[in-house]
């Protein structure tokens, strides 16, 4: 099997709709016939993982046939949230390796914040999809702009972390790595 496409849903702002968008993208890919693996790195909430677990229960209870993603086991999210960054990264790496072996697409939902797992996911991305609300508060996650001229003053911390992920990937892969970055409002 060819290397899977890796889609990371991310930004560092909570409440922007990352998990909701991740669920819709995963569902669309599944209905298009793709083999999808999901990794939910929001260890405390696990909204995407819980959605698909509930969907599986509903499917079984209603004798339906709906496509489901593969969910590699990363262990208990709450316990993992209290683990060291090294332990979290080891669990992610193991789950990611399993996902690579069985899927055409790996969809990763990240938490609202800068974490070791989020950085690791971004460094593996072929595509980053960033949902944001149509406001200057959310726009600030992409760059700081002059409030009068609307000219970019400097990239945001999140934009810089996307740039760092791209550089890390290029170093690791020994080539010019591209990461498509889509912003959805």
N, C-alpha and C. Protein backbone atom coordinates (compact mmCIF):
# COMPACT_ATOMS: atom_id res chain seq x y z
N UNK A 1 0.85 -1.18 0.00
CA UNK A 1 0.00 0.00 0.00
C UNK A 1 0.89 1.24 0.00
N UNK A 2 0.52 2.23 -0.79
CA UNK A 2 1.27 3.49 -0.86
C UNK A 2 1.17 4.24 0.46
N UNK A 3 2.07 5.18 0.65
CA UNK A 3 2.02 6.01 1.85
C UNK A 3 0.67 6.72 1.92
N UNK A 4 0.02 6.71 3.07
CA UNK A 4 -1.28 7.38 3.16
C UNK A 4 -1.13 8.90 3.16
N UNK A 5 -2.17 9.56 2.69
CA UNK A 5 -2.27 11.01 2.79
C UNK A 5 -2.52 11.34 4.26
N UNK A 6 -1.79 12.30 4.80
CA UNK A 6 -1.95 12.69 6.20
C UNK A 6 -2.57 14.08 6.25
N UNK A 7 -3.78 14.15 6.81
CA UNK A 7 -4.50 15.41 6.96
C UNK A 7 -4.56 15.74 8.45
N UNK A 8 -4.06 16.90 8.81
CA UNK A 8 -4.09 17.36 10.20
C UNK A 8 -5.07 18.52 10.31
N UNK A 9 -6.01 18.39 11.22
CA UNK A 9 -6.94 19.48 11.50
C UNK A 9 -6.37 20.21 12.71
N UNK A 10 -5.97 21.46 12.51
CA UNK A 10 -5.31 22.12 13.63
C UNK A 10 -5.32 23.63 13.60
N UNK A 11 -5.26 24.16 14.75
CA UNK A 11 -4.88 25.52 15.09
C UNK A 11 -4.71 25.54 16.59
N UNK A 12 -4.24 26.60 17.13
CA UNK A 12 -3.98 26.64 18.56
C UNK A 12 -5.11 27.29 19.35
N UNK A 13 -6.21 27.57 18.69
CA UNK A 13 -7.34 28.20 19.36
C UNK A 13 -8.41 27.15 19.61
N UNK A 14 -8.91 27.09 20.82
CA UNK A 14 -10.01 26.20 21.13
C UNK A 14 -11.33 26.76 20.62
N UNK A 15 -12.27 25.89 20.36
CA UNK A 15 -13.61 26.32 19.99
C UNK A 15 -13.79 26.78 18.55
N UNK A 16 -12.83 26.49 17.70
CA UNK A 16 -12.91 26.94 16.31
C UNK A 16 -13.64 25.94 15.41
N UNK A 17 -13.91 24.74 15.92
CA UNK A 17 -14.61 23.74 15.12
C UNK A 17 -13.72 22.66 14.54
N UNK A 18 -12.54 22.44 15.13
CA UNK A 18 -11.61 21.44 14.60
C UNK A 18 -12.22 20.05 14.60
N UNK A 19 -12.77 19.62 15.71
CA UNK A 19 -13.31 18.25 15.79
C UNK A 19 -14.52 18.08 14.88
N UNK A 20 -15.38 19.07 14.83
CA UNK A 20 -16.55 18.98 13.94
C UNK A 20 -16.10 18.86 12.49
N UNK A 21 -15.16 19.68 12.09
CA UNK A 21 -14.65 19.60 10.71
C UNK A 21 -13.97 18.26 10.46
N UNK A 22 -13.20 17.77 11.43
CA UNK A 22 -12.52 16.48 11.28
C UNK A 22 -13.53 15.36 11.06
N UNK A 23 -14.62 15.38 11.81
CA UNK A 23 -15.66 14.36 11.67
C UNK A 23 -16.28 14.42 10.28
N UNK A 24 -16.56 15.61 9.80
CA UNK A 24 -17.15 15.75 8.46
C UNK A 24 -16.20 15.30 7.36
N UNK A 25 -14.93 15.65 7.49
CA UNK A 25 -13.95 15.22 6.48
C UNK A 25 -13.80 13.71 6.51
N UNK A 26 -13.68 13.13 7.69
CA UNK A 26 -13.55 11.67 7.80
C UNK A 26 -14.76 10.97 7.21
N UNK A 27 -15.95 11.45 7.54
CA UNK A 27 -17.17 10.84 7.03
C UNK A 27 -17.25 10.95 5.51
N UNK A 28 -16.91 12.10 4.97
CA UNK A 28 -16.91 12.28 3.52
C UNK A 28 -15.94 11.34 2.83
N UNK A 29 -14.73 11.20 3.40
CA UNK A 29 -13.74 10.30 2.82
C UNK A 29 -14.21 8.85 2.89
N UNK A 30 -14.81 8.47 4.01
CA UNK A 30 -15.33 7.11 4.16
C UNK A 30 -16.41 6.82 3.12
N UNK A 31 -17.32 7.76 2.93
CA UNK A 31 -18.39 7.56 1.95
C UNK A 31 -17.87 7.60 0.51
N UNK A 32 -16.68 8.17 0.32
CA UNK A 32 -16.04 8.14 -1.00
C UNK A 32 -15.27 6.85 -1.22
N UNK A 33 -15.32 5.96 -0.22
CA UNK A 33 -14.68 4.66 -0.37
C UNK A 33 -13.24 4.58 0.10
N UNK A 34 -12.75 5.60 0.77
CA UNK A 34 -11.37 5.60 1.25
C UNK A 34 -11.25 4.82 2.56
N UNK A 35 -10.08 4.20 2.75
CA UNK A 35 -9.75 3.57 4.02
C UNK A 35 -9.14 4.66 4.91
N UNK A 36 -9.86 5.03 5.96
CA UNK A 36 -9.48 6.16 6.80
C UNK A 36 -9.12 5.68 8.20
N UNK A 37 -7.99 6.15 8.70
CA UNK A 37 -7.63 5.96 10.10
C UNK A 37 -7.72 7.32 10.77
N UNK A 38 -8.23 7.34 12.00
CA UNK A 38 -8.32 8.60 12.72
C UNK A 38 -7.47 8.53 13.99
N UNK A 39 -6.84 9.65 14.30
CA UNK A 39 -6.10 9.81 15.55
C UNK A 39 -6.61 11.08 16.20
N UNK A 40 -7.14 10.94 17.39
CA UNK A 40 -7.68 12.09 18.12
C UNK A 40 -6.68 12.47 19.21
N UNK A 41 -5.98 13.56 19.00
CA UNK A 41 -4.92 13.97 19.93
C UNK A 41 -5.40 14.93 21.00
N UNK A 42 -6.69 15.25 21.02
CA UNK A 42 -7.25 16.03 22.12
C UNK A 42 -7.55 15.02 23.24
N UNK A 43 -6.52 14.71 24.00
CA UNK A 43 -6.56 13.59 24.93
C UNK A 43 -7.63 13.71 26.00
N UNK A 44 -7.98 14.91 26.38
CA UNK A 44 -8.98 15.09 27.44
C UNK A 44 -10.40 14.91 26.92
N UNK A 45 -10.68 15.41 25.72
CA UNK A 45 -12.06 15.36 25.21
C UNK A 45 -12.32 14.23 24.24
N UNK A 46 -11.40 14.00 23.31
CA UNK A 46 -11.54 12.95 22.31
C UNK A 46 -12.91 13.00 21.61
N UNK A 47 -13.31 14.18 21.18
CA UNK A 47 -14.62 14.37 20.55
C UNK A 47 -14.79 13.53 19.29
N UNK A 48 -13.77 13.53 18.41
CA UNK A 48 -13.89 12.77 17.16
C UNK A 48 -13.95 11.27 17.46
N UNK A 49 -13.09 10.80 18.31
CA UNK A 49 -13.08 9.37 18.63
C UNK A 49 -14.40 8.95 19.27
N UNK A 50 -14.94 9.77 20.19
CA UNK A 50 -16.22 9.45 20.82
C UNK A 50 -17.36 9.45 19.81
N UNK A 51 -17.33 10.39 18.84
CA UNK A 51 -18.37 10.43 17.82
C UNK A 51 -18.42 9.10 17.07
N UNK A 52 -17.26 8.62 16.62
CA UNK A 52 -17.26 7.39 15.84
C UNK A 52 -17.55 6.16 16.71
N UNK A 53 -17.19 6.19 17.99
CA UNK A 53 -17.57 5.09 18.89
C UNK A 53 -19.09 5.06 19.05
N UNK A 54 -19.70 6.23 19.22
CA UNK A 54 -21.17 6.30 19.32
C UNK A 54 -21.83 5.89 18.02
N UNK A 55 -21.23 6.27 16.90
CA UNK A 55 -21.77 5.89 15.59
C UNK A 55 -21.75 4.36 15.45
N UNK A 56 -20.68 3.72 15.89
CA UNK A 56 -20.59 2.25 15.81
C UNK A 56 -21.68 1.59 16.66
N UNK A 57 -21.94 2.14 17.83
CA UNK A 57 -23.00 1.60 18.69
C UNK A 57 -24.35 1.77 18.01
N UNK A 58 -24.60 2.94 17.43
CA UNK A 58 -25.87 3.20 16.74
C UNK A 58 -26.04 2.27 15.55
N UNK A 59 -24.96 2.10 14.77
CA UNK A 59 -25.00 1.21 13.60
C UNK A 59 -25.39 -0.21 14.03
N UNK A 60 -24.76 -0.70 15.08
CA UNK A 60 -25.05 -2.06 15.55
C UNK A 60 -26.48 -2.17 16.08
N UNK A 61 -26.92 -1.17 16.83
CA UNK A 61 -28.26 -1.20 17.42
C UNK A 61 -29.36 -1.10 16.37
N UNK A 62 -29.06 -0.47 15.25
CA UNK A 62 -30.06 -0.26 14.21
C UNK A 62 -29.83 -1.12 12.97
N UNK A 63 -28.95 -2.10 13.09
CA UNK A 63 -28.67 -3.02 12.00
C UNK A 63 -28.41 -2.29 10.68
N UNK A 64 -27.56 -1.29 10.75
CA UNK A 64 -27.21 -0.50 9.58
C UNK A 64 -25.80 -0.84 9.12
N UNK A 65 -25.47 -0.42 7.93
CA UNK A 65 -24.13 -0.64 7.38
C UNK A 65 -23.58 0.72 6.94
N UNK A 66 -22.75 1.30 7.77
CA UNK A 66 -22.12 2.57 7.45
C UNK A 66 -20.61 2.40 7.50
N UNK A 67 -19.89 3.09 6.63
CA UNK A 67 -18.43 2.96 6.68
C UNK A 67 -17.90 3.58 7.98
N UNK A 68 -16.88 2.92 8.52
CA UNK A 68 -16.29 3.36 9.77
C UNK A 68 -14.78 3.50 9.61
N UNK A 69 -14.19 4.47 10.31
CA UNK A 69 -12.73 4.60 10.26
C UNK A 69 -12.06 3.56 11.15
N UNK A 70 -10.79 3.35 10.88
CA UNK A 70 -9.96 2.55 11.76
C UNK A 70 -9.44 3.48 12.86
N UNK A 71 -9.49 3.03 14.11
CA UNK A 71 -9.03 3.84 15.23
C UNK A 71 -7.92 3.08 15.95
N UNK A 72 -6.66 3.42 15.67
CA UNK A 72 -5.58 2.73 16.38
C UNK A 72 -5.61 3.08 17.87
N UNK A 73 -5.29 2.11 18.70
CA UNK A 73 -5.38 2.29 20.14
C UNK A 73 -4.20 3.10 20.67
N UNK A 74 -4.50 4.23 21.30
CA UNK A 74 -3.48 5.01 21.98
C UNK A 74 -3.63 4.89 23.49
N UNK A 75 -4.59 4.10 23.94
CA UNK A 75 -4.81 3.94 25.38
C UNK A 75 -5.80 4.96 25.90
N UNK A 76 -6.01 4.91 27.19
CA UNK A 76 -6.94 5.81 27.87
C UNK A 76 -6.46 7.25 27.74
N UNK A 77 -7.34 8.10 27.18
CA UNK A 77 -6.97 9.50 26.94
C UNK A 77 -6.65 10.27 28.20
N UNK A 78 -7.42 10.08 29.25
CA UNK A 78 -7.18 10.83 30.49
C UNK A 78 -5.86 10.43 31.13
N UNK A 79 -5.56 9.13 31.12
CA UNK A 79 -4.28 8.68 31.66
C UNK A 79 -3.14 9.19 30.79
N UNK A 80 -3.34 9.14 29.48
CA UNK A 80 -2.31 9.61 28.56
C UNK A 80 -2.09 11.11 28.70
N UNK A 81 -3.15 11.84 29.01
CA UNK A 81 -3.03 13.29 29.20
C UNK A 81 -2.12 13.61 30.38
N UNK A 82 -2.05 12.72 31.36
CA UNK A 82 -1.20 12.93 32.54
C UNK A 82 0.20 12.35 32.35
N UNK A 83 0.42 11.62 31.26
CA UNK A 83 1.72 10.99 31.00
C UNK A 83 2.74 12.04 30.58
N UNK A 84 3.99 11.65 30.61
CA UNK A 84 5.05 12.55 30.16
C UNK A 84 4.94 12.77 28.66
N UNK A 85 5.46 13.87 28.17
CA UNK A 85 5.45 14.10 26.72
C UNK A 85 6.13 12.95 25.95
N UNK A 86 7.17 12.36 26.54
CA UNK A 86 7.87 11.25 25.88
C UNK A 86 6.95 10.04 25.74
N UNK A 87 6.20 9.73 26.81
CA UNK A 87 5.26 8.60 26.76
C UNK A 87 4.13 8.89 25.76
N UNK A 88 3.62 10.12 25.77
CA UNK A 88 2.58 10.48 24.80
C UNK A 88 3.09 10.31 23.38
N UNK A 89 4.29 10.77 23.12
CA UNK A 89 4.87 10.68 21.79
C UNK A 89 5.09 9.22 21.38
N UNK A 90 5.53 8.39 22.31
CA UNK A 90 5.73 6.97 22.00
C UNK A 90 4.40 6.30 21.63
N UNK A 91 3.34 6.63 22.36
CA UNK A 91 2.02 6.05 22.05
C UNK A 91 1.53 6.55 20.70
N UNK A 92 1.74 7.84 20.42
CA UNK A 92 1.35 8.39 19.12
C UNK A 92 2.11 7.70 17.99
N UNK A 93 3.43 7.56 18.15
CA UNK A 93 4.25 6.94 17.12
C UNK A 93 3.77 5.51 16.83
N UNK A 94 3.46 4.76 17.87
CA UNK A 94 2.99 3.37 17.68
C UNK A 94 1.65 3.36 16.95
N UNK A 95 0.72 4.21 17.38
CA UNK A 95 -0.60 4.27 16.73
C UNK A 95 -0.47 4.74 15.29
N UNK A 96 0.39 5.71 15.05
CA UNK A 96 0.61 6.24 13.70
C UNK A 96 1.17 5.15 12.77
N UNK A 97 2.10 4.35 13.28
CA UNK A 97 2.67 3.27 12.47
C UNK A 97 1.60 2.26 12.07
N UNK A 98 0.72 1.92 12.99
CA UNK A 98 -0.38 1.00 12.67
C UNK A 98 -1.30 1.64 11.63
N UNK A 99 -1.63 2.91 11.81
CA UNK A 99 -2.51 3.62 10.87
C UNK A 99 -1.90 3.65 9.47
N UNK A 100 -0.59 3.86 9.39
CA UNK A 100 0.08 3.88 8.09
C UNK A 100 -0.08 2.56 7.34
N UNK A 101 -0.09 1.47 8.08
CA UNK A 101 -0.12 0.16 7.46
C UNK A 101 -1.50 -0.23 6.92
N UNK A 102 -2.57 0.43 7.41
CA UNK A 102 -3.91 -0.04 7.07
C UNK A 102 -4.79 0.99 6.36
N UNK A 103 -4.27 2.19 6.12
CA UNK A 103 -5.16 3.23 5.61
C UNK A 103 -4.62 3.93 4.37
N UNK A 104 -5.54 4.57 3.68
CA UNK A 104 -5.18 5.44 2.55
C UNK A 104 -5.06 6.89 3.02
N UNK A 105 -5.80 7.21 4.08
CA UNK A 105 -5.81 8.55 4.63
C UNK A 105 -5.72 8.43 6.15
N UNK A 106 -4.83 9.22 6.74
CA UNK A 106 -4.77 9.34 8.20
C UNK A 106 -5.26 10.76 8.52
N UNK A 107 -6.33 10.83 9.30
CA UNK A 107 -6.90 12.12 9.68
C UNK A 107 -6.61 12.33 11.16
N UNK A 108 -5.93 13.44 11.48
CA UNK A 108 -5.51 13.70 12.86
C UNK A 108 -6.18 14.98 13.34
N UNK A 109 -6.93 14.87 14.44
CA UNK A 109 -7.56 16.01 15.09
C UNK A 109 -6.66 16.44 16.25
N UNK A 110 -6.29 17.71 16.27
CA UNK A 110 -5.38 18.21 17.31
C UNK A 110 -6.11 19.09 18.31
N UNK A 111 -5.56 19.22 19.51
CA UNK A 111 -6.20 20.06 20.52
C UNK A 111 -5.94 21.54 20.26
N UNK A 112 -6.69 22.39 20.92
CA UNK A 112 -6.46 23.83 20.85
C UNK A 112 -5.33 24.20 21.78
N UNK A 113 -4.13 24.16 21.30
CA UNK A 113 -2.96 24.49 22.11
C UNK A 113 -1.72 23.89 21.49
N UNK A 114 -0.59 24.35 21.94
CA UNK A 114 0.69 23.86 21.45
C UNK A 114 1.13 22.71 22.35
N UNK A 115 1.11 21.49 21.81
CA UNK A 115 1.50 20.32 22.57
C UNK A 115 2.54 19.53 21.79
N UNK A 116 3.22 18.64 22.47
CA UNK A 116 4.18 17.76 21.83
C UNK A 116 3.51 16.95 20.73
N UNK A 117 2.32 16.41 21.03
CA UNK A 117 1.60 15.60 20.04
C UNK A 117 1.16 16.43 18.84
N UNK A 118 0.70 17.64 19.10
CA UNK A 118 0.26 18.49 17.99
C UNK A 118 1.44 18.82 17.07
N UNK A 119 2.58 19.13 17.65
CA UNK A 119 3.76 19.42 16.82
C UNK A 119 4.17 18.19 16.01
N UNK A 120 4.13 17.01 16.64
CA UNK A 120 4.48 15.77 15.92
C UNK A 120 3.53 15.52 14.76
N UNK A 121 2.24 15.75 14.99
CA UNK A 121 1.25 15.55 13.93
C UNK A 121 1.48 16.54 12.78
N UNK A 122 1.69 17.80 13.11
CA UNK A 122 1.90 18.81 12.07
C UNK A 122 3.13 18.48 11.22
N UNK A 123 4.16 17.90 11.84
CA UNK A 123 5.38 17.58 11.10
C UNK A 123 5.17 16.43 10.11
N UNK A 124 4.08 15.68 10.27
CA UNK A 124 3.78 14.57 9.36
C UNK A 124 2.74 14.94 8.30
N UNK A 125 2.18 16.11 8.39
CA UNK A 125 1.05 16.50 7.55
C UNK A 125 1.42 16.65 6.09
N UNK A 126 0.54 16.14 5.24
CA UNK A 126 0.56 16.50 3.82
C UNK A 126 -0.34 17.71 3.62
N UNK A 127 -1.40 17.75 4.41
CA UNK A 127 -2.34 18.88 4.38
C UNK A 127 -2.69 19.26 5.81
N UNK A 128 -2.71 20.56 6.07
CA UNK A 128 -3.20 21.08 7.34
C UNK A 128 -4.47 21.85 7.01
N UNK A 129 -5.53 21.55 7.73
CA UNK A 129 -6.79 22.26 7.55
C UNK A 129 -7.07 23.00 8.85
N UNK A 130 -7.18 24.32 8.73
CA UNK A 130 -7.38 25.17 9.89
C UNK A 130 -8.75 25.83 9.83
N UNK A 131 -9.68 25.39 10.67
CA UNK A 131 -10.96 26.09 10.72
C UNK A 131 -10.83 27.34 11.59
N UNK A 132 -11.52 28.37 11.20
CA UNK A 132 -11.55 29.58 12.03
C UNK A 132 -12.84 30.34 11.78
N UNK A 133 -13.26 31.03 12.80
CA UNK A 133 -14.46 31.87 12.68
C UNK A 133 -14.08 33.17 11.99
N UNK A 134 -15.05 33.79 11.38
CA UNK A 134 -14.85 35.02 10.62
C UNK A 134 -14.78 36.21 11.57
N UNK A 135 -13.64 36.35 12.26
CA UNK A 135 -13.46 37.47 13.18
C UNK A 135 -11.98 37.78 13.30
N UNK A 136 -11.69 39.00 13.75
CA UNK A 136 -10.29 39.37 13.94
C UNK A 136 -9.66 38.59 15.09
N UNK A 137 -10.48 38.15 16.04
CA UNK A 137 -9.95 37.33 17.13
C UNK A 137 -9.38 36.04 16.57
N UNK A 138 -10.12 35.38 15.69
CA UNK A 138 -9.63 34.14 15.08
C UNK A 138 -8.56 34.41 14.03
N UNK A 139 -8.69 35.50 13.29
CA UNK A 139 -7.70 35.81 12.26
C UNK A 139 -6.32 35.98 12.88
N UNK A 140 -6.29 36.40 14.13
CA UNK A 140 -5.03 36.61 14.82
C UNK A 140 -4.22 35.32 14.94
N UNK A 141 -4.87 34.16 14.79
CA UNK A 141 -4.12 32.92 14.85
C UNK A 141 -3.27 32.71 13.60
N UNK A 142 -3.55 33.45 12.52
CA UNK A 142 -2.75 33.35 11.30
C UNK A 142 -1.66 34.41 11.24
N UNK A 143 -1.97 35.60 11.70
CA UNK A 143 -0.99 36.68 11.67
C UNK A 143 -1.52 37.91 12.37
N UNK A 144 -0.60 38.71 12.84
CA UNK A 144 -0.99 39.97 13.47
C UNK A 144 -1.01 41.05 12.40
N UNK A 145 -2.16 41.74 12.31
CA UNK A 145 -2.31 42.76 11.28
C UNK A 145 -2.51 44.12 11.92
N UNK A 146 -2.11 45.15 11.18
CA UNK A 146 -2.34 46.52 11.61
C UNK A 146 -3.84 46.77 11.57
N UNK A 147 -4.46 47.23 12.68
CA UNK A 147 -5.91 47.39 12.71
C UNK A 147 -6.44 48.48 11.78
N UNK A 148 -5.58 49.38 11.31
CA UNK A 148 -6.02 50.45 10.42
C UNK A 148 -5.78 50.07 8.96
N UNK A 149 -4.55 49.65 8.65
CA UNK A 149 -4.20 49.37 7.25
C UNK A 149 -4.48 47.92 6.86
N UNK A 150 -4.65 47.05 7.84
CA UNK A 150 -4.84 45.61 7.65
C UNK A 150 -3.62 44.93 7.02
N UNK A 151 -2.45 45.60 7.09
CA UNK A 151 -1.22 45.00 6.59
C UNK A 151 -0.68 44.04 7.64
N UNK A 152 -0.10 42.96 7.14
CA UNK A 152 0.49 41.97 8.03
C UNK A 152 1.69 42.57 8.74
N UNK A 153 1.66 42.50 10.07
CA UNK A 153 2.80 42.97 10.84
C UNK A 153 3.79 41.85 11.10
N UNK A 154 3.27 40.68 11.44
CA UNK A 154 4.12 39.52 11.63
C UNK A 154 3.25 38.27 11.67
N UNK A 155 3.83 37.12 11.34
CA UNK A 155 3.06 35.87 11.42
C UNK A 155 2.73 35.56 12.89
N UNK A 156 1.68 34.82 13.08
CA UNK A 156 1.31 34.43 14.44
C UNK A 156 2.19 33.30 14.94
N UNK A 157 2.06 32.99 16.20
CA UNK A 157 2.79 31.87 16.78
C UNK A 157 2.40 30.58 16.07
N UNK A 158 1.11 30.41 15.76
CA UNK A 158 0.67 29.20 15.07
C UNK A 158 1.25 29.13 13.65
N UNK A 159 1.25 30.25 12.93
CA UNK A 159 1.85 30.27 11.59
C UNK A 159 3.32 29.88 11.66
N UNK A 160 4.00 30.37 12.67
CA UNK A 160 5.41 30.01 12.84
C UNK A 160 5.56 28.52 13.14
N UNK A 161 4.63 27.94 13.90
CA UNK A 161 4.73 26.51 14.20
C UNK A 161 4.46 25.67 12.95
N UNK A 162 3.57 26.14 12.06
CA UNK A 162 3.36 25.44 10.79
C UNK A 162 4.65 25.50 9.96
N UNK A 163 5.29 26.64 9.95
CA UNK A 163 6.55 26.79 9.22
C UNK A 163 7.62 25.86 9.80
N UNK A 164 7.70 25.77 11.13
CA UNK A 164 8.65 24.87 11.78
C UNK A 164 8.36 23.41 11.42
N UNK A 165 7.07 23.04 11.36
CA UNK A 165 6.70 21.68 10.99
C UNK A 165 7.18 21.37 9.58
N UNK A 166 7.02 22.33 8.70
CA UNK A 166 7.47 22.14 7.31
C UNK A 166 8.99 21.96 7.25
N UNK A 167 9.71 22.77 8.03
CA UNK A 167 11.17 22.64 8.05
C UNK A 167 11.59 21.29 8.65
N UNK A 168 10.93 20.87 9.73
CA UNK A 168 11.26 19.59 10.35
C UNK A 168 11.03 18.43 9.38
N UNK A 169 9.94 18.52 8.66
CA UNK A 169 9.64 17.46 7.68
C UNK A 169 10.69 17.44 6.57
N UNK A 170 11.10 18.62 6.11
CA UNK A 170 12.11 18.68 5.04
C UNK A 170 13.44 18.10 5.52
N UNK A 171 13.81 18.38 6.76
CA UNK A 171 15.06 17.83 7.31
C UNK A 171 14.95 16.32 7.44
N UNK A 172 13.83 15.85 7.96
CA UNK A 172 13.64 14.41 8.20
C UNK A 172 13.58 13.63 6.90
N UNK A 173 12.93 14.19 5.88
CA UNK A 173 12.76 13.48 4.62
C UNK A 173 13.89 13.74 3.63
N UNK A 174 14.75 14.71 3.94
CA UNK A 174 15.88 14.97 3.07
C UNK A 174 15.50 15.55 1.72
N UNK A 175 14.41 16.25 1.67
CA UNK A 175 13.98 16.86 0.41
C UNK A 175 13.12 18.08 0.73
N UNK A 176 12.75 18.77 -0.32
CA UNK A 176 11.86 19.91 -0.15
C UNK A 176 10.46 19.37 0.16
N UNK A 177 10.01 19.54 1.37
CA UNK A 177 8.70 19.02 1.78
C UNK A 177 7.65 20.11 1.60
N UNK A 178 6.53 19.70 1.08
CA UNK A 178 5.44 20.64 0.97
C UNK A 178 4.32 20.21 1.90
N UNK A 179 3.69 21.18 2.46
CA UNK A 179 2.50 20.96 3.27
C UNK A 179 1.46 21.94 2.74
N UNK A 180 0.35 21.41 2.21
CA UNK A 180 -0.74 22.28 1.80
C UNK A 180 -1.44 22.76 3.06
N UNK A 181 -1.72 24.07 3.12
CA UNK A 181 -2.37 24.64 4.30
C UNK A 181 -3.67 25.28 3.83
N UNK A 182 -4.78 24.73 4.26
CA UNK A 182 -6.09 25.24 3.90
C UNK A 182 -6.72 25.89 5.12
N UNK A 183 -7.23 27.10 4.95
CA UNK A 183 -7.92 27.80 6.03
C UNK A 183 -9.39 27.86 5.66
N UNK A 184 -10.24 27.40 6.56
CA UNK A 184 -11.67 27.30 6.32
C UNK A 184 -12.39 28.24 7.27
N UNK A 185 -13.20 29.12 6.70
CA UNK A 185 -13.99 30.02 7.57
C UNK A 185 -15.46 29.67 7.48
